[in-house]
Amino acid sequence: MPVVDLLHLVVIAAGLIIGVWALIALRRTMPAGRFAVFGLASAGTLFGCAALSGEVGLLPPAAWFAVVMVAMLAGAVVAASRGRRSGRADTSV
């Protein structure tokens, strides 16, 4: 299995995990913002796979992998920190 195939799998797995986490874990702390995190993970996965297959120029595939992973993880970290800082009381039943 070439390294690029492994990087494809890592990008897909990271996008899936971050997207599912955003939809489930952020439903009370960020009801509308969770879709933005899910969209970022989805777009990062699609763009990452295209960049790793060589369809996007400017950088080599390994550099695109780093850029995409940092962007997806940064979105998840920002969402997690904003979700914790929310001082709203949970009034849902």
PDB file of N, CA and C in Angstrom:
ATOM      1  N   MET A   1       0.846  -1.173   0.000  1.00  0.00           N
ATOM      2  CA  MET A   1       0.000   0.000   0.000  1.00  0.00           C
ATOM      3  C   MET A   1       0.897   1.244   0.000  1.00  0.00           C
ATOM      4  N   PRO A   2       0.786   2.054  -1.034  1.00  0.00           N
ATOM      5  CA  PRO A   2       1.607   3.270  -1.072  1.00  0.00           C
ATOM      6  C   PRO A   2       1.218   4.251   0.039  1.00  0.00           C
ATOM      7  N   VAL A   3       2.124   5.133   0.337  1.00  0.00           N
ATOM      8  CA  VAL A   3       1.920   6.105   1.417  1.00  0.00           C
ATOM      9  C   VAL A   3       0.745   7.026   1.113  1.00  0.00           C
ATOM     10  N   VAL A   4       0.558   7.395  -0.146  1.00  0.00           N
ATOM     11  CA  VAL A   4      -0.532   8.303  -0.505  1.00  0.00           C
ATOM     12  C   VAL A   4      -1.883   7.662  -0.203  1.00  0.00           C
ATOM     13  N   ASP A   5      -2.011   6.356  -0.428  1.00  0.00           N
ATOM     14  CA  ASP A   5      -3.254   5.669  -0.099  1.00  0.00           C
ATOM     15  C   ASP A   5      -3.516   5.701   1.407  1.00  0.00           C
ATOM     16  N   LEU A   6      -2.480   5.549   2.184  1.00  0.00           N
ATOM     17  CA  LEU A   6      -2.625   5.624   3.637  1.00  0.00           C
ATOM     18  C   LEU A   6      -3.038   7.034   4.059  1.00  0.00           C
ATOM     19  N   LEU A   7      -2.467   8.047   3.418  1.00  0.00           N
ATOM     20  CA  LEU A   7      -2.844   9.423   3.731  1.00  0.00           C
ATOM     21  C   LEU A   7      -4.305   9.697   3.354  1.00  0.00           C
ATOM     22  N   HIS A   8      -4.773   9.115   2.248  1.00  0.00           N
ATOM     23  CA  HIS A   8      -6.190   9.227   1.889  1.00  0.00           C
ATOM     24  C   HIS A   8      -7.064   8.663   3.004  1.00  0.00           C
ATOM     25  N   LEU A   9      -6.707   7.495   3.489  1.00  0.00           N
ATOM     26  CA  LEU A   9      -7.495   6.874   4.554  1.00  0.00           C
ATOM     27  C   LEU A   9      -7.490   7.707   5.826  1.00  0.00           C
ATOM     28  N   VAL A  10      -6.366   8.306   6.157  1.00  0.00           N
ATOM     29  CA  VAL A  10      -6.276   9.145   7.362  1.00  0.00           C
ATOM     30  C   VAL A  10      -7.158  10.384   7.204  1.00  0.00           C
ATOM     31  N   VAL A  11      -7.139  11.018   6.038  1.00  0.00           N
ATOM     32  CA  VAL A  11      -7.971  12.198   5.805  1.00  0.00           C
ATOM     33  C   VAL A  11      -9.448  11.833   5.879  1.00  0.00           C
ATOM     34  N   ILE A  12      -9.830  10.729   5.279  1.00  0.00           N
ATOM     35  CA  ILE A  12     -11.232  10.295   5.311  1.00  0.00           C
ATOM     36  C   ILE A  12     -11.655   9.963   6.740  1.00  0.00           C
ATOM     37  N   ALA A  13     -10.830   9.240   7.467  1.00  0.00           N
ATOM     38  CA  ALA A  13     -11.161   8.884   8.847  1.00  0.00           C
ATOM     39  C   ALA A  13     -11.253  10.117   9.735  1.00  0.00           C
ATOM     40  N   ALA A  14     -10.327  11.047   9.579  1.00  0.00           N
ATOM     41  CA  ALA A  14     -10.358  12.270  10.394  1.00  0.00           C
ATOM     42  C   ALA A  14     -11.601  13.090  10.081  1.00  0.00           C
ATOM     43  N   GLY A  15     -11.937  13.227   8.813  1.00  0.00           N
ATOM     44  CA  GLY A  15     -13.137  13.967   8.439  1.00  0.00           C
ATOM     45  C   GLY A  15     -14.397  13.321   8.977  1.00  0.00           C
ATOM     46  N   LEU A  16     -14.461  12.012   8.920  1.00  0.00           N
ATOM     47  CA  LEU A  16     -15.619  11.287   9.438  1.00  0.00           C
ATOM     48  C   LEU A  16     -15.728  11.440  10.949  1.00  0.00           C
ATOM     49  N   ILE A  17     -14.627  11.281  11.647  1.00  0.00           N
ATOM     50  CA  ILE A  17     -14.641  11.376  13.108  1.00  0.00           C
ATOM     51  C   ILE A  17     -14.991  12.794  13.560  1.00  0.00           C
ATOM     52  N   ILE A  18     -14.383  13.804  12.949  1.00  0.00           N
ATOM     53  CA  ILE A  18     -14.672  15.193  13.335  1.00  0.00           C
ATOM     54  C   ILE A  18     -16.119  15.550  12.997  1.00  0.00           C
ATOM     55  N   GLY A  19     -16.601  15.118  11.846  1.00  0.00           N
ATOM     56  CA  GLY A  19     -17.985  15.406  11.464  1.00  0.00           C
ATOM     57  C   GLY A  19     -18.999  14.771  12.389  1.00  0.00           C
ATOM     58  N   VAL A  20     -18.804  13.520  12.721  1.00  0.00           N
ATOM     59  CA  VAL A  20     -19.723  12.837  13.637  1.00  0.00           C
ATOM     60  C   VAL A  20     -19.646  13.461  15.027  1.00  0.00           C
ATOM     61  N   TRP A  21     -18.438  13.759  15.475  1.00  0.00           N
ATOM     62  CA  TRP A  21     -18.271  14.409  16.781  1.00  0.00           C
ATOM     63  C   TRP A  21     -19.009  15.740  16.809  1.00  0.00           C
ATOM     64  N   ALA A  22     -18.886  16.523  15.738  1.00  0.00           N
ATOM     65  CA  ALA A  22     -19.533  17.831  15.705  1.00  0.00           C
ATOM     66  C   ALA A  22     -21.044  17.699  15.777  1.00  0.00           C
ATOM     67  N   LEU A  23     -21.613  16.770  15.042  1.00  0.00           N
ATOM     68  CA  LEU A  23     -23.062  16.631  15.033  1.00  0.00           C
ATOM     69  C   LEU A  23     -23.609  16.096  16.346  1.00  0.00           C
ATOM     70  N   ILE A  24     -22.855  15.250  17.020  1.00  0.00           N
ATOM     71  CA  ILE A  24     -23.361  14.646  18.256  1.00  0.00           C
ATOM     72  C   ILE A  24     -22.960  15.455  19.485  1.00  0.00           C
ATOM     73  N   ALA A  25     -21.702  15.752  19.647  1.00  0.00           N
ATOM     74  CA  ALA A  25     -21.218  16.359  20.890  1.00  0.00           C
ATOM     75  C   ALA A  25     -21.563  17.835  21.003  1.00  0.00           C
ATOM     76  N   LEU A  26     -21.740  18.521  19.903  1.00  0.00           N
ATOM     77  CA  LEU A  26     -21.989  19.960  19.961  1.00  0.00           C
ATOM     78  C   LEU A  26     -23.464  20.325  19.841  1.00  0.00           C
ATOM     79  N   ARG A  27     -24.358  19.359  19.931  1.00  0.00           N
ATOM     80  CA  ARG A  27     -25.772  19.661  19.696  1.00  0.00           C
ATOM     81  C   ARG A  27     -26.384  20.553  20.768  1.00  0.00           C
ATOM     82  N   ARG A  28     -25.864  20.542  21.972  1.00  0.00           N
ATOM     83  CA  ARG A  28     -26.407  21.407  23.022  1.00  0.00           C
ATOM     84  C   ARG A  28     -25.605  22.689  23.192  1.00  0.00           C
ATOM     85  N   THR A  29     -24.303  22.625  23.044  1.00  0.00           N
ATOM     86  CA  THR A  29     -23.488  23.813  23.286  1.00  0.00           C
ATOM     87  C   THR A  29     -23.426  24.741  22.081  1.00  0.00           C
ATOM     88  N   MET A  30     -23.488  24.191  20.886  1.00  0.00           N
ATOM     89  CA  MET A  30     -23.450  24.996  19.658  1.00  0.00           C
ATOM     90  C   MET A  30     -24.476  24.453  18.667  1.00  0.00           C
ATOM     91  N   PRO A  31     -25.765  24.691  18.884  1.00  0.00           N
ATOM     92  CA  PRO A  31     -26.768  24.074  18.017  1.00  0.00           C
ATOM     93  C   PRO A  31     -26.609  24.412  16.534  1.00  0.00           C
ATOM     94  N   ALA A  32     -26.298  25.653  16.206  1.00  0.00           N
ATOM     95  CA  ALA A  32     -26.149  26.013  14.796  1.00  0.00           C
ATOM     96  C   ALA A  32     -24.703  25.878  14.333  1.00  0.00           C
ATOM     97  N   GLY A  33     -23.755  26.115  15.217  1.00  0.00           N
ATOM     98  CA  GLY A  33     -22.348  26.069  14.850  1.00  0.00           C
ATOM     99  C   GLY A  33     -21.836  24.676  14.552  1.00  0.00           C
ATOM    100  N   ARG A  34     -22.533  23.674  15.012  1.00  0.00           N
ATOM    101  CA  ARG A  34     -22.065  22.307  14.755  1.00  0.00           C
ATOM    102  C   ARG A  34     -22.097  21.981  13.269  1.00  0.00           C
ATOM    103  N   PHE A  35     -23.017  22.604  12.539  1.00  0.00           N
ATOM    104  CA  PHE A  35     -23.082  22.351  11.102  1.00  0.00           C
ATOM    105  C   PHE A  35     -21.918  22.993  10.367  1.00  0.00           C
ATOM    106  N   ALA A  36     -21.415  24.097  10.905  1.00  0.00           N
ATOM    107  CA  ALA A  36     -20.228  24.720  10.312  1.00  0.00           C
ATOM    108  C   ALA A  36     -19.007  23.821  10.481  1.00  0.00           C
ATOM    109  N   VAL A  37     -18.882  23.206  11.647  1.00  0.00           N
ATOM    110  CA  VAL A  37     -17.758  22.293  11.894  1.00  0.00           C
ATOM    111  C   VAL A  37     -17.905  21.052  11.013  1.00  0.00           C
ATOM    112  N   PHE A  38     -19.127  20.547  10.894  1.00  0.00           N
ATOM    113  CA  PHE A  38     -19.375  19.401  10.023  1.00  0.00           C
ATOM    114  C   PHE A  38     -19.043  19.746   8.574  1.00  0.00           C
ATOM    115  N   GLY A  39     -19.436  20.944   8.130  1.00  0.00           N
ATOM    116  CA  GLY A  39     -19.130  21.381   6.768  1.00  0.00           C
ATOM    117  C   GLY A  39     -17.636  21.526   6.542  1.00  0.00           C
ATOM    118  N   LEU A  40     -16.928  22.055   7.543  1.00  0.00           N
ATOM    119  CA  LEU A  40     -15.477  22.181   7.430  1.00  0.00           C
ATOM    120  C   LEU A  40     -14.825  20.802   7.304  1.00  0.00           C
ATOM    121  N   ALA A  41     -15.294  19.843   8.089  1.00  0.00           N
ATOM    122  CA  ALA A  41     -14.731  18.494   8.012  1.00  0.00           C
ATOM    123  C   ALA A  41     -15.042  17.847   6.662  1.00  0.00           C
ATOM    124  N   SER A  42     -16.254  18.059   6.168  1.00  0.00           N
ATOM    125  CA  SER A  42     -16.633  17.483   4.872  1.00  0.00           C
ATOM    126  C   SER A  42     -15.826  18.100   3.733  1.00  0.00           C
ATOM    127  N   ALA A  43     -15.726  19.426   3.746  1.00  0.00           N
ATOM    128  CA  ALA A  43     -14.961  20.106   2.699  1.00  0.00           C
ATOM    129  C   ALA A  43     -13.477  19.749   2.784  1.00  0.00           C
ATOM    130  N   GLY A  44     -12.962  19.640   4.004  1.00  0.00           N
ATOM    131  CA  GLY A  44     -11.560  19.252   4.174  1.00  0.00           C
ATOM    132  C   GLY A  44     -11.289  17.858   3.652  1.00  0.00           C
ATOM    133  N   THR A  45     -12.242  16.962   3.864  1.00  0.00           N
ATOM    134  CA  THR A  45     -12.081  15.594   3.367  1.00  0.00           C
ATOM    135  C   THR A  45     -12.085  15.567   1.835  1.00  0.00           C
ATOM    136  N   LEU A  46     -13.044  16.240   1.237  1.00  0.00           N
ATOM    137  CA  LEU A  46     -13.112  16.257  -0.230  1.00  0.00           C
ATOM    138  C   LEU A  46     -11.892  16.925  -0.846  1.00  0.00           C
ATOM    139  N   PHE A  47     -11.526  18.090  -0.311  1.00  0.00           N
ATOM    140  CA  PHE A  47     -10.366  18.790  -0.848  1.00  0.00           C
ATOM    141  C   PHE A  47      -9.087  18.002  -0.593  1.00  0.00           C
ATOM    142  N   GLY A  48      -8.979  17.408   0.595  1.00  0.00           N
ATOM    143  CA  GLY A  48      -7.785  16.633   0.933  1.00  0.00           C
ATOM    144  C   GLY A  48      -7.583  15.448   0.009  1.00  0.00           C
ATOM    145  N   CYS A  49      -8.666  14.757  -0.298  1.00  0.00           N
ATOM    146  CA  CYS A  49      -8.546  13.612  -1.210  1.00  0.00           C
ATOM    147  C   CYS A  49      -8.169  14.066  -2.619  1.00  0.00           C
ATOM    148  N   ALA A  50      -8.737  15.193  -3.063  1.00  0.00           N
ATOM    149  CA  ALA A  50      -8.378  15.712  -4.383  1.00  0.00           C
ATOM    150  C   ALA A  50      -6.915  16.163  -4.411  1.00  0.00           C
ATOM    151  N   ALA A  51      -6.486  16.817  -3.348  1.00  0.00           N
ATOM    152  CA  ALA A  51      -5.103  17.305  -3.306  1.00  0.00           C
ATOM    153  C   ALA A  51      -4.116  16.146  -3.222  1.00  0.00           C
ATOM    154  N   LEU A  52      -4.469  15.112  -2.475  1.00  0.00           N
ATOM    155  CA  LEU A  52      -3.562  13.970  -2.358  1.00  0.00           C
ATOM    156  C   LEU A  52      -3.457  13.172  -3.655  1.00  0.00           C
ATOM    157  N   SER A  53      -4.486  13.229  -4.476  1.00  0.00           N
ATOM    158  CA  SER A  53      -4.417  12.499  -5.738  1.00  0.00           C
ATOM    159  C   SER A  53      -3.687  13.299  -6.815  1.00  0.00           C
ATOM    160  N   GLY A  54      -3.258  14.521  -6.480  1.00  0.00           N
ATOM    161  CA  GLY A  54      -2.467  15.307  -7.407  1.00  0.00           C
ATOM    162  C   GLY A  54      -3.262  16.240  -8.288  1.00  0.00           C
ATOM    163  N   GLU A  55      -4.543  16.442  -7.991  1.00  0.00           N
ATOM    164  CA  GLU A  55      -5.367  17.301  -8.817  1.00  0.00           C
ATOM    165  C   GLU A  55      -5.252  18.775  -8.455  1.00  0.00           C
ATOM    166  N   VAL A  56      -4.608  19.077  -7.343  1.00  0.00           N
ATOM    167  CA  VAL A  56      -4.398  20.461  -6.920  1.00  0.00           C
ATOM    168  C   VAL A  56      -2.902  20.711  -6.914  1.00  0.00           C
ATOM    169  N   GLY A  57      -2.486  21.773  -7.572  1.00  0.00           N
ATOM    170  CA  GLY A  57      -1.061  22.070  -7.662  1.00  0.00           C
ATOM    171  C   GLY A  57      -0.570  22.879  -6.476  1.00  0.00           C
ATOM    172  N   LEU A  58       0.433  23.648  -6.692  1.00  0.00           N
ATOM    173  CA  LEU A  58       1.056  24.559  -5.733  1.00  0.00           C
ATOM    174  C   LEU A  58       1.919  23.872  -4.687  1.00  0.00           C
ATOM    175  N   LEU A  59       1.471  22.801  -4.099  1.00  0.00           N
ATOM    176  CA  LEU A  59       2.216  22.097  -3.055  1.00  0.00           C
ATOM    177  C   LEU A  59       2.253  20.608  -3.365  1.00  0.00           C
ATOM    178  N   PRO A  60       3.245  19.909  -2.839  1.00  0.00           N
ATOM    179  CA  PRO A  60       3.242  18.446  -2.989  1.00  0.00           C
ATOM    180  C   PRO A  60       2.151  17.830  -2.108  1.00  0.00           C
ATOM    181  N   PRO A  61       1.747  16.601  -2.410  1.00  0.00           N
ATOM    182  CA  PRO A  61       0.668  15.966  -1.648  1.00  0.00           C
ATOM    183  C   PRO A  61       0.902  15.906  -0.135  1.00  0.00           C
ATOM    184  N   ALA A  62       2.120  15.677   0.305  1.00  0.00           N
ATOM    185  CA  ALA A  62       2.371  15.609   1.753  1.00  0.00           C
ATOM    186  C   ALA A  62       2.125  16.954   2.422  1.00  0.00           C
ATOM    187  N   ALA A  63       2.445  18.039   1.749  1.00  0.00           N
ATOM    188  CA  ALA A  63       2.181  19.368   2.311  1.00  0.00           C
ATOM    189  C   ALA A  63       0.688  19.659   2.348  1.00  0.00           C
ATOM    190  N   TRP A  64      -0.045  19.236   1.311  1.00  0.00           N
ATOM    191  CA  TRP A  64      -1.496  19.409   1.333  1.00  0.00           C
ATOM    192  C   TRP A  64      -2.118  18.600   2.457  1.00  0.00           C
ATOM    193  N   PHE A  65      -1.587  17.427   2.706  1.00  0.00           N
ATOM    194  CA  PHE A  65      -2.081  16.612   3.813  1.00  0.00           C
ATOM    195  C   PHE A  65      -1.949  17.378   5.127  1.00  0.00           C
ATOM    196  N   ALA A  66      -0.796  17.998   5.338  1.00  0.00           N
ATOM    197  CA  ALA A  66      -0.575  18.755   6.576  1.00  0.00           C
ATOM    198  C   ALA A  66      -1.525  19.950   6.661  1.00  0.00           C
ATOM    199  N   VAL A  67      -1.703  20.654   5.560  1.00  0.00           N
ATOM    200  CA  VAL A  67      -2.585  21.824   5.556  1.00  0.00           C
ATOM    201  C   VAL A  67      -4.022  21.420   5.875  1.00  0.00           C
ATOM    202  N   VAL A  68      -4.497  20.372   5.243  1.00  0.00           N
ATOM    203  CA  VAL A  68      -5.882  19.931   5.446  1.00  0.00           C
ATOM    204  C   VAL A  68      -6.088  19.428   6.870  1.00  0.00           C
ATOM    205  N   MET A  69      -5.157  18.649   7.378  1.00  0.00           N
ATOM    206  CA  MET A  69      -5.312  18.117   8.735  1.00  0.00           C
ATOM    207  C   MET A  69      -5.275  19.240   9.773  1.00  0.00           C
ATOM    208  N   VAL A  70      -4.394  20.200   9.596  1.00  0.00           N
ATOM    209  CA  VAL A  70      -4.323  21.326  10.533  1.00  0.00           C
ATOM    210  C   VAL A  70      -5.620  22.129  10.483  1.00  0.00           C
ATOM    211  N   ALA A  71      -6.162  22.370   9.305  1.00  0.00           N
ATOM    212  CA  ALA A  71      -7.401  23.135   9.188  1.00  0.00           C
ATOM    213  C   ALA A  71      -8.565  22.409   9.856  1.00  0.00           C
ATOM    214  N   MET A  72      -8.686  21.105   9.625  1.00  0.00           N
ATOM    215  CA  MET A  72      -9.788  20.360  10.237  1.00  0.00           C
ATOM    216  C   MET A  72      -9.629  20.286  11.753  1.00  0.00           C
ATOM    217  N   LEU A  73      -8.435  20.026  12.223  1.00  0.00           N
ATOM    218  CA  LEU A  73      -8.221  19.947  13.672  1.00  0.00           C
ATOM    219  C   LEU A  73      -8.377  21.309  14.334  1.00  0.00           C
ATOM    220  N   ALA A  74      -7.963  22.367  13.669  1.00  0.00           N
ATOM    221  CA  ALA A  74      -8.139  23.710  14.234  1.00  0.00           C
ATOM    222  C   ALA A  74      -9.617  24.048  14.355  1.00  0.00           C
ATOM    223  N   GLY A  75     -10.405  23.685  13.375  1.00  0.00           N
ATOM    224  CA  GLY A  75     -11.853  23.910  13.465  1.00  0.00           C
ATOM    225  C   GLY A  75     -12.477  23.146  14.621  1.00  0.00           C
ATOM    226  N   ALA A  76     -12.027  21.920  14.841  1.00  0.00           N
ATOM    227  CA  ALA A  76     -12.557  21.129  15.949  1.00  0.00           C
ATOM    228  C   ALA A  76     -12.133  21.706  17.294  1.00  0.00           C
ATOM    229  N   VAL A  77     -10.901  22.173  17.393  1.00  0.00           N
ATOM    230  CA  VAL A  77     -10.412  22.753  18.651  1.00  0.00           C
ATOM    231  C   VAL A  77     -11.153  24.052  18.968  1.00  0.00           C
ATOM    232  N   VAL A  78     -11.347  24.891  17.963  1.00  0.00           N
ATOM    233  CA  VAL A  78     -12.085  26.137  18.181  1.00  0.00           C
ATOM    234  C   VAL A  78     -13.516  25.844  18.600  1.00  0.00           C
ATOM    235  N   ALA A  79     -14.160  24.892  17.953  1.00  0.00           N
ATOM    236  CA  ALA A  79     -15.536  24.546  18.317  1.00  0.00           C
ATOM    237  C   ALA A  79     -15.608  23.975  19.725  1.00  0.00           C
ATOM    238  N   ALA A  80     -14.653  23.145  20.087  1.00  0.00           N
ATOM    239  CA  ALA A  80     -14.667  22.568  21.432  1.00  0.00           C
ATOM    240  C   ALA A  80     -14.450  23.640  22.489  1.00  0.00           C
ATOM    241  N   SER A  81     -13.566  24.577  22.234  1.00  0.00           N
ATOM    242  CA  SER A  81     -13.319  25.621  23.225  1.00  0.00           C
ATOM    243  C   SER A  81     -14.494  26.592  23.306  1.00  0.00           C
ATOM    244  N   ARG A  82     -15.118  26.916  22.191  1.00  0.00           N
ATOM    245  CA  ARG A  82     -16.297  27.797  22.229  1.00  0.00           C
ATOM    246  C   ARG A  82     -17.475  27.102  22.872  1.00  0.00           C
ATOM    247  N   GLY A  83     -17.608  25.811  22.666  1.00  0.00           N
ATOM    248  CA  GLY A  83     -18.707  25.062  23.262  1.00  0.00           C
ATOM    249  C   GLY A  83     -18.594  24.984  24.769  1.00  0.00           C
ATOM    250  N   ARG A  84     -17.375  24.879  25.280  1.00  0.00           N
ATOM    251  CA  ARG A  84     -17.184  24.820  26.732  1.00  0.00           C
ATOM    252  C   ARG A  84     -17.410  26.166  27.383  1.00  0.00           C
ATOM    253  N   ARG A  85     -17.040  27.249  26.695  1.00  0.00           N
ATOM    254  CA  ARG A  85     -17.161  28.582  27.274  1.00  0.00           C
ATOM    255  C   ARG A  85     -18.583  29.092  27.274  1.00  0.00           C
ATOM    256  N   SER A  86     -19.471  28.424  26.582  1.00  0.00           N
ATOM    257  CA  SER A  86     -20.854  28.873  26.536  1.00  0.00           C
ATOM    258  C   SER A  86     -21.458  28.795  27.934  1.00  0.00           C
ATOM    259  N   GLY A  87     -21.855  29.919  28.470  1.00  0.00           N
ATOM    260  CA  GLY A  87     -22.373  29.962  29.836  1.00  0.00           C
ATOM    261  C   GLY A  87     -23.877  29.788  29.910  1.00  0.00           C
ATOM    262  N   ARG A  88     -24.506  29.421  28.799  1.00  0.00           N
ATOM    263  CA  ARG A  88     -25.946  29.266  28.797  1.00  0.00           C
ATOM    264  C   ARG A  88     -26.355  28.041  29.585  1.00  0.00           C
ATOM    265  N   ALA A  89     -27.476  28.168  30.241  1.00  0.00           N
ATOM    266  CA  ALA A  89     -28.028  27.015  30.964  1.00  0.00           C
ATOM    267  C   ALA A  89     -28.795  26.157  29.957  1.00  0.00           C
ATOM    268  N   ASP A  90     -28.714  24.874  30.138  1.00  0.00           N
ATOM    269  CA  ASP A  90     -29.417  23.947  29.260  1.00  0.00           C
ATOM    270  C   ASP A  90     -30.861  23.863  29.691  1.00  0.00           C
ATOM    271  N   THR A  91     -31.765  24.394  28.851  1.00  0.00           N
ATOM    272  CA  THR A  91     -33.180  24.393  29.203  1.00  0.00           C
ATOM    273  C   THR A  91     -33.962  23.337  28.440  1.00  0.00           C
ATOM    274  N   SER A  92     -33.311  22.570  27.610  1.00  0.00           N
ATOM    275  CA  SER A  92     -34.008  21.539  26.860  1.00  0.00           C
ATOM    276  C   SER A  92     -34.286  20.345  27.757  1.00  0.00           C
ATOM    277  N   VAL A  93     -35.313  19.622  27.374  1.00  0.00           N
ATOM    278  CA  VAL A  93     -35.710  18.454  28.173  1.00  0.00           C
ATOM    279  C   VAL A  93     -35.259  17.193  27.501  1.00  0.00           C
TER     280      VAL A  93
END
